[in-house]
Amino acid sequence: MGVLFFLSLLAAAAVLALVWGVRALWARLTGRPVMPWAMRMSPRDGWSTVYRSTARWTAPSPSARAAQGGADVTDVVPREVR
């Protein structure tokens, strides 16, 4: 089972290498630069995307804000902070 898994990974790597080689050869024949395959992802951008989406989930909807009418809540009894 392990040999089969290794051979399948080896075959997948060989196919990727073949595709990359054909792509590089085509770029050389057409005179274009070979652009590397890279996943451009910044962890900072991912975090800000998640942070912005949670702000959208927790924000009150416009209909809920309209129902309140902008009035303060008066049925809450404040307690002392311990």
Protein backbone atom coordinates (compact mmCIF):
# COMPACT_ATOMS: atom_id res chain seq x y z
CA MET A 1 0.00 0.00 0.00
CA GLY A 2 2.85 2.36 0.85
CA VAL A 3 4.60 1.64 -2.46
CA LEU A 4 1.41 2.36 -4.36
CA PHE A 5 0.99 5.67 -2.52
CA PHE A 6 4.60 6.61 -3.22
CA LEU A 7 4.26 5.75 -6.91
CA SER A 8 1.08 7.82 -7.19
CA LEU A 9 2.82 10.82 -5.62
CA LEU A 10 5.78 10.29 -7.93
CA ALA A 11 3.46 10.16 -10.95
CA ALA A 12 1.69 13.37 -9.87
CA ALA A 13 5.04 15.13 -9.44
CA ALA A 14 6.17 13.87 -12.87
CA VAL A 15 3.00 15.21 -14.51
CA LEU A 16 3.48 18.61 -12.83
CA ALA A 17 7.13 18.69 -13.93
CA LEU A 18 6.12 17.82 -17.48
CA VAL A 19 3.46 20.55 -17.58
CA TRP A 20 5.91 23.09 -16.17
CA GLY A 21 8.58 22.05 -18.69
CA VAL A 22 6.19 22.34 -21.64
CA ARG A 23 5.08 25.74 -20.35
CA ALA A 24 8.68 26.93 -20.04
CA LEU A 25 9.51 25.62 -23.50
CA TRP A 26 6.49 27.39 -25.00
CA ALA A 27 7.48 30.64 -23.27
CA ARG A 28 11.01 30.33 -24.64
CA LEU A 29 9.75 29.67 -28.17
CA THR A 30 7.38 32.64 -28.11
CA GLY A 31 9.95 34.95 -26.48
CA ARG A 32 7.94 35.59 -23.35
CA PRO A 33 9.37 35.44 -19.82
CA VAL A 34 8.54 32.37 -17.77
CA MET A 35 6.33 33.43 -14.89
CA PRO A 36 6.71 31.26 -11.80
CA TRP A 37 3.73 29.48 -10.36
CA ALA A 38 3.27 31.09 -7.00
CA MET A 39 0.33 31.45 -4.70
CA ARG A 40 0.51 35.04 -3.58
CA MET A 41 -1.15 35.10 -0.19
CA SER A 42 -0.29 37.22 2.75
CA PRO A 43 -1.37 36.04 6.23
CA ARG A 44 -2.13 39.66 7.07
CA ASP A 45 -4.61 39.88 4.19
CA GLY A 46 -6.30 36.66 5.24
CA TRP A 47 -6.68 37.87 8.81
CA SER A 48 -8.13 41.21 7.76
CA THR A 49 -10.64 39.44 5.50
CA VAL A 50 -11.84 37.27 8.38
CA TYR A 51 -11.89 40.21 10.78
CA ARG A 52 -13.98 42.31 8.39
CA SER A 53 -16.43 39.47 7.76
CA THR A 54 -17.06 38.91 11.49
CA ALA A 55 -17.75 42.62 11.87
CA ARG A 56 -20.41 42.22 9.19
CA TRP A 57 -21.96 39.23 10.99
CA THR A 58 -22.15 40.96 14.38
CA ALA A 59 -23.35 44.35 13.14
CA PRO A 60 -27.05 45.00 13.72
CA SER A 61 -29.16 44.97 10.60
CA PRO A 62 -30.63 48.23 9.26
CA SER A 63 -34.16 46.96 10.01
CA ALA A 64 -33.22 46.31 13.65
CA ARG A 65 -31.76 49.79 13.94
CA ALA A 66 -34.91 51.30 12.41
CA ALA A 67 -37.13 49.39 14.87
CA GLN A 68 -35.27 50.91 17.80
CA GLY A 69 -35.78 54.36 16.39
CA GLY A 70 -32.49 55.53 17.79
CA ALA A 71 -33.93 55.66 21.33
CA ASP A 72 -31.88 54.59 24.33
CA VAL A 73 -32.79 51.39 26.14
CA THR A 74 -34.45 52.29 29.45
CA ASP A 75 -35.52 48.93 30.91
CA VAL A 76 -32.04 47.94 32.08
CA VAL A 77 -31.00 48.31 35.69
CA PRO A 78 -27.28 49.13 35.96
CA ARG A 79 -25.16 47.15 38.43
CA GLU A 80 -21.93 48.04 40.11
CA VAL A 81 -18.73 46.61 38.60
CA ARG A 82 -16.90 44.39 41.06
